[in-house]
Every structure is written in C-alpha cells, then in structure tokens.
Protein backbone atom coordinates (compact mmCIF):
# COMPACT_ATOMS: atom_id res chain seq x y z
CA MET A 1 28.18 -30.76 14.05
CA LEU A 2 24.77 -32.80 13.59
CA LYS A 3 23.22 -31.36 16.80
CA PHE A 4 23.98 -27.99 15.69
CA ILE A 5 22.75 -28.38 12.72
CA LYS A 6 19.25 -30.12 13.74
CA ASN A 7 18.88 -27.47 16.59
CA PHE A 8 19.52 -24.79 13.55
CA ARG A 9 16.82 -26.31 11.71
CA LYS A 10 14.15 -26.08 15.03
CA ASP A 11 15.21 -22.69 15.96
CA GLU A 12 12.71 -20.09 14.17
CA ASN A 13 14.31 -17.20 15.85
CA GLY A 14 15.65 -15.71 12.50
CA ALA A 15 12.31 -16.59 10.49
CA VAL A 16 10.89 -13.32 12.57
CA THR A 17 13.02 -11.09 11.28
CA VAL A 18 13.40 -12.53 7.69
CA ASP A 19 9.42 -12.05 8.08
CA TRP A 20 9.62 -8.49 9.34
CA VAL A 21 11.81 -7.36 6.13
CA VAL A 22 9.81 -9.07 3.76
CA LEU A 23 6.67 -7.12 4.77
CA THR A 24 9.23 -3.15 5.22
CA ALA A 25 10.09 -3.75 1.77
CA ALA A 26 6.73 -4.28 0.80
CA VAL A 27 5.20 -0.89 2.63
CA VAL A 28 8.41 0.97 0.80
CA ALA A 29 7.85 -0.82 -2.28
CA LEU A 30 3.72 0.74 -2.12
CA GLY A 31 5.08 3.47 -0.83
CA ALA A 32 7.21 4.38 -3.71
CA ALA A 33 4.28 2.98 -5.96
CA GLY A 34 1.64 5.69 -4.53
CA TYR A 35 4.27 8.58 -4.85
CA ASN A 36 5.10 7.65 -7.97
CA SER A 37 1.29 7.56 -9.20
CA ILE A 38 0.32 11.10 -7.69
CA SER A 39 3.40 12.85 -8.48
CA SER A 40 2.30 12.09 -11.94
CA GLY A 41 -1.08 13.13 -11.71
CA THR A 42 -0.12 16.41 -10.49
CA SER A 43 2.56 16.85 -12.68
CA ALA A 44 -0.17 16.60 -15.67
CA LEU A 45 -2.73 18.59 -13.52
CA SER A 46 -0.11 21.94 -13.25
CA GLY A 47 0.36 21.77 -16.68
CA THR A 48 -3.35 21.81 -17.66
CA THR A 49 -3.77 24.72 -15.31
CA GLN A 50 -0.65 26.12 -16.53
CA THR A 51 -1.98 26.36 -19.86
CA PHE A 52 -5.56 27.55 -18.95
CA ILE A 53 -3.93 30.46 -17.11
CA GLU A 54 -1.58 31.45 -20.07
CA GLY A 55 -4.95 32.16 -22.33
CA LYS A 56 -6.64 34.40 -19.88
CA ASN A 57 -6.24 37.83 -20.39
CA PRO A 58 -5.37 39.88 -17.26
CA ASN A 59 -7.88 42.73 -17.70
CA GLY A 60 -11.07 40.54 -17.89
CA GLY A 61 -10.99 39.99 -21.28
CA THR A 62 -10.68 36.55 -23.37
C-alpha cells in the first residue's frame, strides 16, 4: 500500500488533465463575460436607435 501511494504521488498524468480542465473553464468564463458585455452594449444601442427613429416623421419633417 505504501508503494502504491508513492507511485501515485510521482505520477503526473492526472495533473495534465486538471490543467486542461482549469484552462477550459477559464476560456468559457471569459467567453461568457464577453458575451454579457456585448449583449448589454447592443441592447442600449438598439434602444437609442429606436428612440431616434420614433421621433422622425416619415414624410421628411421632424
């Protein structure tokens, strides 16, 4: 049993998997943060554009 624990401690195969899981989670989190930032910005721009267009007369007057 002691030999198994020593070998398990020296084995680094599992550490690579943990690194990839952490890196993948970071990429997903950054993607979600970017999406939220872009989404709120486009919503504000759409609202401003709607307000501007609603104030215009289709016959050319203001």
